[in-house]
Amino acid sequence: MDAQRPETAAEAWRELSRRYVQDVSRYFRERTVGEVARFLFQGGGRYGNCPLHDQFLAQAQEQVDLFVSGNPAASEAGTLLEAILLGPRPGADHPAGLCLIAAEGLALPLIPLAETGVLTDVADRYNRQFSRRTPALPIQDRLRRAMREELARRGAKTTQ
């Protein structure tokens, strides 16, 4: 991290995500029209071929793996789960948007570690993001199912 070390894994996640969004914004602001057109014609999509996406996902994976391997407290796991699934996001058209959604999948190992109350709250708030107008992507469906199954295993219920 920058000058000071974050105190919690959730703070570290928010900082990593914030820095990633800023870096991606700067990266695409500095691209020429020709470079963006080349992305499109090479099949990379409007925001493809950005090396920052892979860097972010690798750093995020490393951060979660390190956290999980440290035998975290249930409260810390719940806080990190909330940060990953419900943290601030850039607008839907931002070039970092889909990568941040993909990174939500990194929260899967946190689900069995989180406290039941926190997991119930996160699951309910996460589920409210989706509707017929805004359907969940496959990784989001997988997360919703995993939270529902974990809560059912514990005998707790969610609103969905």
C-alpha atoms as a PDB file:
ATOM      1  CA  MET A   1       0.000   0.000   0.000  1.00  0.00           C
ATOM      2  CA  ASP A   2       0.960   3.636  -0.132  1.00  0.00           C
ATOM      3  CA  ALA A   3       2.260   5.451   2.952  1.00  0.00           C
ATOM      4  CA  GLN A   4       0.521   3.447   5.641  1.00  0.00           C
ATOM      5  CA  ARG A   5      -0.576  -0.140   5.905  1.00  0.00           C
ATOM      6  CA  PRO A   6      -4.349  -0.746   6.057  1.00  0.00           C
ATOM      7  CA  GLU A   7      -5.572  -2.054   9.390  1.00  0.00           C
ATOM      8  CA  THR A   8      -8.036  -4.602   8.023  1.00  0.00           C
ATOM      9  CA  ALA A   9      -8.407  -6.827   4.992  1.00  0.00           C
ATOM     10  CA  ALA A  10     -11.565  -4.922   4.047  1.00  0.00           C
ATOM     11  CA  GLU A  11      -9.646  -1.625   4.056  1.00  0.00           C
ATOM     12  CA  ALA A  12      -6.914  -3.219   1.943  1.00  0.00           C
ATOM     13  CA  TRP A  13      -9.568  -4.473  -0.510  1.00  0.00           C
ATOM     14  CA  ARG A  14     -11.186  -1.041  -0.779  1.00  0.00           C
ATOM     15  CA  GLU A  15      -7.793   0.566  -1.360  1.00  0.00           C
ATOM     16  CA  LEU A  16      -6.825  -1.998  -4.006  1.00  0.00           C
ATOM     17  CA  SER A  17     -10.166  -1.516  -5.793  1.00  0.00           C
ATOM     18  CA  ARG A  18     -10.004   2.287  -5.565  1.00  0.00           C
ATOM     19  CA  ARG A  19      -6.486   2.373  -6.944  1.00  0.00           C
ATOM     20  CA  TYR A  20      -7.439  -0.054  -9.737  1.00  0.00           C
ATOM     21  CA  VAL A  21     -10.407   2.079 -10.829  1.00  0.00           C
ATOM     22  CA  GLN A  22      -8.221   5.207 -10.830  1.00  0.00           C
ATOM     23  CA  ASP A  23      -5.457   3.487 -12.803  1.00  0.00           C
ATOM     24  CA  VAL A  24      -7.890   2.104 -15.388  1.00  0.00           C
ATOM     25  CA  SER A  25      -9.497   5.532 -15.786  1.00  0.00           C
ATOM     26  CA  ARG A  26      -6.090   7.089 -16.364  1.00  0.00           C
ATOM     27  CA  TYR A  27      -5.062   4.280 -18.740  1.00  0.00           C
ATOM     28  CA  PHE A  28      -8.079   4.771 -20.996  1.00  0.00           C
ATOM     29  CA  ARG A  29      -7.919   8.565 -20.789  1.00  0.00           C
ATOM     30  CA  GLU A  30      -4.402   8.352 -22.206  1.00  0.00           C
ATOM     31  CA  ARG A  31      -5.308   6.022 -25.127  1.00  0.00           C
ATOM     32  CA  THR A  32      -5.650   7.467 -28.593  1.00  0.00           C
ATOM     33  CA  VAL A  33      -8.696   6.905 -30.786  1.00  0.00           C
ATOM     34  CA  GLY A  34      -6.583   4.602 -32.958  1.00  0.00           C
ATOM     35  CA  GLU A  35      -5.598   2.432 -29.989  1.00  0.00           C
ATOM     36  CA  VAL A  36      -9.206   2.094 -28.841  1.00  0.00           C
ATOM     37  CA  ALA A  37     -10.300   1.208 -32.407  1.00  0.00           C
ATOM     38  CA  ARG A  38      -7.550  -1.424 -32.530  1.00  0.00           C
ATOM     39  CA  PHE A  39      -8.889  -2.935 -29.269  1.00  0.00           C
ATOM     40  CA  LEU A  40     -12.307  -3.275 -30.926  1.00  0.00           C
ATOM     41  CA  PHE A  41     -11.064  -4.768 -34.174  1.00  0.00           C
ATOM     42  CA  GLN A  42      -8.738  -7.224 -32.462  1.00  0.00           C
ATOM     43  CA  GLY A  43     -11.707  -8.674 -30.610  1.00  0.00           C
ATOM     44  CA  GLY A  44     -10.722  -7.257 -27.252  1.00  0.00           C
ATOM     45  CA  GLY A  45     -13.956  -5.313 -26.920  1.00  0.00           C
ATOM     46  CA  ARG A  46     -14.264  -1.678 -26.014  1.00  0.00           C
ATOM     47  CA  TYR A  47     -12.129  -2.062 -22.897  1.00  0.00           C
ATOM     48  CA  GLY A  48     -10.113  -5.135 -23.768  1.00  0.00           C
ATOM     49  CA  ASN A  49      -6.367  -5.504 -23.902  1.00  0.00           C
ATOM     50  CA  CYS A  50      -5.839  -3.492 -20.735  1.00  0.00           C
ATOM     51  CA  PRO A  51      -2.986  -5.024 -18.732  1.00  0.00           C
ATOM     52  CA  LEU A  52      -4.376  -3.528 -15.534  1.00  0.00           C
ATOM     53  CA  HIS A  53      -7.296  -5.987 -15.444  1.00  0.00           C
ATOM     54  CA  ASP A  54      -5.047  -9.035 -15.084  1.00  0.00           C
ATOM     55  CA  GLN A  55      -2.801  -7.250 -12.580  1.00  0.00           C
ATOM     56  CA  PHE A  56      -5.780  -6.333 -10.414  1.00  0.00           C
ATOM     57  CA  LEU A  57      -7.239  -9.837 -10.473  1.00  0.00           C
ATOM     58  CA  ALA A  58      -3.876 -11.367  -9.549  1.00  0.00           C
ATOM     59  CA  GLN A  59      -3.386  -8.936  -6.659  1.00  0.00           C
ATOM     60  CA  ALA A  60      -6.974  -9.443  -5.484  1.00  0.00           C
ATOM     61  CA  GLN A  61      -6.596 -13.245  -5.598  1.00  0.00           C
ATOM     62  CA  GLU A  62      -3.360 -13.019  -3.635  1.00  0.00           C
ATOM     63  CA  GLN A  63      -4.970 -10.746  -1.056  1.00  0.00           C
ATOM     64  CA  VAL A  64      -7.944 -13.076  -0.492  1.00  0.00           C
ATOM     65  CA  ASP A  65      -5.766 -16.212  -0.430  1.00  0.00           C
ATOM     66  CA  LEU A  66      -3.472 -14.642   2.163  1.00  0.00           C
ATOM     67  CA  PHE A  67      -6.468 -13.580   4.245  1.00  0.00           C
ATOM     68  CA  VAL A  68      -8.120 -17.011   4.161  1.00  0.00           C
ATOM     69  CA  SER A  69      -4.856 -18.813   4.954  1.00  0.00           C
ATOM     70  CA  GLY A  70      -4.443 -16.674   8.084  1.00  0.00           C
ATOM     71  CA  ASN A  71      -7.377 -18.367   9.869  1.00  0.00           C
ATOM     72  CA  PRO A  72      -9.376 -15.112  10.143  1.00  0.00           C
ATOM     73  CA  ALA A  73     -12.035 -14.294  12.696  1.00  0.00           C
ATOM     74  CA  ALA A  74     -15.619 -14.649  11.494  1.00  0.00           C
ATOM     75  CA  SER A  75     -16.236 -10.925  11.949  1.00  0.00           C
ATOM     76  CA  GLU A  76     -13.259 -10.047   9.741  1.00  0.00           C
ATOM     77  CA  ALA A  77     -14.384 -12.532   7.068  1.00  0.00           C
ATOM     78  CA  GLY A  78     -17.836 -10.978   7.056  1.00  0.00           C
ATOM     79  CA  THR A  79     -16.415  -7.485   6.741  1.00  0.00           C
ATOM     80  CA  LEU A  80     -14.234  -8.507   3.793  1.00  0.00           C
ATOM     81  CA  LEU A  81     -17.156 -10.357   2.182  1.00  0.00           C
ATOM     82  CA  GLU A  82     -19.229  -7.189   2.448  1.00  0.00           C
ATOM     83  CA  ALA A  83     -16.421  -5.052   1.008  1.00  0.00           C
ATOM     84  CA  ILE A  84     -16.013  -7.342  -2.004  1.00  0.00           C
ATOM     85  CA  LEU A  85     -19.691  -7.821  -2.795  1.00  0.00           C
ATOM     86  CA  LEU A  86     -21.191  -4.498  -1.753  1.00  0.00           C
ATOM     87  CA  GLY A  87     -18.316  -2.043  -1.924  1.00  0.00           C
ATOM     88  CA  PRO A  88     -18.378   1.121  -4.022  1.00  0.00           C
ATOM     89  CA  ARG A  89     -18.377   0.588  -7.773  1.00  0.00           C
ATOM     90  CA  PRO A  90     -17.787   2.891 -10.711  1.00  0.00           C
ATOM     91  CA  GLY A  91     -20.622   3.486 -13.158  1.00  0.00           C
ATOM     92  CA  ALA A  92     -21.823   0.650 -15.389  1.00  0.00           C
ATOM     93  CA  ASP A  93     -19.927   1.988 -18.390  1.00  0.00           C
ATOM     94  CA  HIS A  94     -16.596   2.262 -16.613  1.00  0.00           C
ATOM     95  CA  PRO A  95     -13.867   0.053 -18.107  1.00  0.00           C
ATOM     96  CA  ALA A  96     -13.169  -1.508 -14.691  1.00  0.00           C
ATOM     97  CA  GLY A  97     -16.786  -2.500 -14.054  1.00  0.00           C
ATOM     98  CA  LEU A  98     -16.802  -6.040 -15.436  1.00  0.00           C
ATOM     99  CA  CYS A  99     -13.474  -6.903 -13.875  1.00  0.00           C
ATOM    100  CA  LEU A 100     -14.771  -5.829 -10.460  1.00  0.00           C
ATOM    101  CA  ILE A 101     -17.784  -8.092 -10.980  1.00  0.00           C
ATOM    102  CA  ALA A 102     -15.462 -10.943 -11.925  1.00  0.00           C
ATOM    103  CA  ALA A 103     -13.493 -10.279  -8.734  1.00  0.00           C
ATOM    104  CA  GLU A 104     -16.667 -10.837  -6.701  1.00  0.00           C
ATOM    105  CA  GLY A 105     -16.071 -14.544  -7.283  1.00  0.00           C
ATOM    106  CA  LEU A 106     -13.044 -14.305  -5.012  1.00  0.00           C
ATOM    107  CA  ALA A 107     -15.484 -13.964  -2.116  1.00  0.00           C
ATOM    108  CA  LEU A 108     -16.637 -17.594  -2.397  1.00  0.00           C
ATOM    109  CA  PRO A 109     -14.201 -18.958   0.242  1.00  0.00           C
ATOM    110  CA  LEU A 110     -15.297 -16.216   2.657  1.00  0.00           C
ATOM    111  CA  ILE A 111     -18.927 -17.332   2.725  1.00  0.00           C
ATOM    112  CA  PRO A 112     -18.464 -20.288   5.136  1.00  0.00           C
ATOM    113  CA  LEU A 113     -16.180 -18.171   7.334  1.00  0.00           C
ATOM    114  CA  ALA A 114     -18.559 -15.224   7.926  1.00  0.00           C
ATOM    115  CA  GLU A 115     -20.832 -14.858  10.949  1.00  0.00           C
ATOM    116  CA  THR A 116     -24.420 -15.901  10.276  1.00  0.00           C
ATOM    117  CA  GLY A 117     -25.900 -12.452  10.978  1.00  0.00           C
ATOM    118  CA  VAL A 118     -23.457 -10.704   8.685  1.00  0.00           C
ATOM    119  CA  LEU A 119     -23.879 -13.345   5.997  1.00  0.00           C
ATOM    120  CA  THR A 120     -27.664 -12.961   6.152  1.00  0.00           C
ATOM    121  CA  ASP A 121     -27.381  -9.182   5.834  1.00  0.00           C
ATOM    122  CA  VAL A 122     -24.878  -9.358   2.967  1.00  0.00           C
ATOM    123  CA  ALA A 123     -26.951 -11.980   1.127  1.00  0.00           C
ATOM    124  CA  ASP A 124     -30.129  -9.911   1.454  1.00  0.00           C
ATOM    125  CA  ARG A 125     -28.465  -6.689   0.295  1.00  0.00           C
ATOM    126  CA  TYR A 126     -26.633  -8.480  -2.528  1.00  0.00           C
ATOM    127  CA  ASN A 127     -29.849 -10.142  -3.746  1.00  0.00           C
ATOM    128  CA  ARG A 128     -31.684  -6.800  -3.849  1.00  0.00           C
ATOM    129  CA  GLN A 129     -29.306  -5.617  -6.574  1.00  0.00           C
ATOM    130  CA  PHE A 130     -30.842  -8.004  -9.102  1.00  0.00           C
ATOM    131  CA  SER A 131     -34.175  -8.050 -10.877  1.00  0.00           C
ATOM    132  CA  ARG A 132     -35.601  -8.812 -14.293  1.00  0.00           C
ATOM    133  CA  ARG A 133     -34.153  -5.517 -15.489  1.00  0.00           C
ATOM    134  CA  THR A 134     -30.737  -6.156 -13.974  1.00  0.00           C
ATOM    135  CA  PRO A 135     -30.161  -9.910 -14.038  1.00  0.00           C
ATOM    136  CA  ALA A 136     -27.203 -11.474 -12.299  1.00  0.00           C
ATOM    137  CA  LEU A 137     -24.209 -12.685 -14.255  1.00  0.00           C
ATOM    138  CA  PRO A 138     -23.190 -16.351 -13.808  1.00  0.00           C
ATOM    139  CA  ILE A 139     -20.615 -15.614 -11.086  1.00  0.00           C
ATOM    140  CA  GLN A 140     -23.182 -13.542  -9.240  1.00  0.00           C
ATOM    141  CA  ASP A 141     -25.719 -16.369  -9.469  1.00  0.00           C
ATOM    142  CA  ARG A 142     -23.074 -18.720  -8.094  1.00  0.00           C
ATOM    143  CA  LEU A 143     -22.412 -16.378  -5.157  1.00  0.00           C
ATOM    144  CA  ARG A 144     -26.125 -15.985  -4.423  1.00  0.00           C
ATOM    145  CA  ARG A 145     -26.591 -19.766  -4.475  1.00  0.00           C
ATOM    146  CA  ALA A 146     -23.541 -20.331  -2.248  1.00  0.00           C
ATOM    147  CA  MET A 147     -24.790 -17.824   0.328  1.00  0.00           C
ATOM    148  CA  ARG A 148     -28.306 -19.301   0.244  1.00  0.00           C
ATOM    149  CA  GLU A 149     -26.945 -22.847   0.678  1.00  0.00           C
ATOM    150  CA  GLU A 150     -24.609 -21.853   3.518  1.00  0.00           C
ATOM    151  CA  LEU A 151     -27.418 -20.062   5.338  1.00  0.00           C
ATOM    152  CA  ALA A 152     -29.731 -23.055   4.828  1.00  0.00           C
ATOM    153  CA  ARG A 153     -27.015 -25.335   6.211  1.00  0.00           C
ATOM    154  CA  ARG A 154     -26.883 -23.122   9.301  1.00  0.00           C
ATOM    155  CA  GLY A 155     -30.677 -23.013   9.577  1.00  0.00           C
ATOM    156  CA  ALA A 156     -30.879 -19.280   8.798  1.00  0.00           C
ATOM    157  CA  LYS A 157     -33.049 -17.691   6.117  1.00  0.00           C
ATOM    158  CA  THR A 158     -32.745 -14.795   3.706  1.00  0.00           C
ATOM    159  CA  THR A 159     -35.456 -12.788   2.028  1.00  0.00           C
ATOM    160  CA  GLN A 160     -34.696 -14.511  -1.278  1.00  0.00           C
END
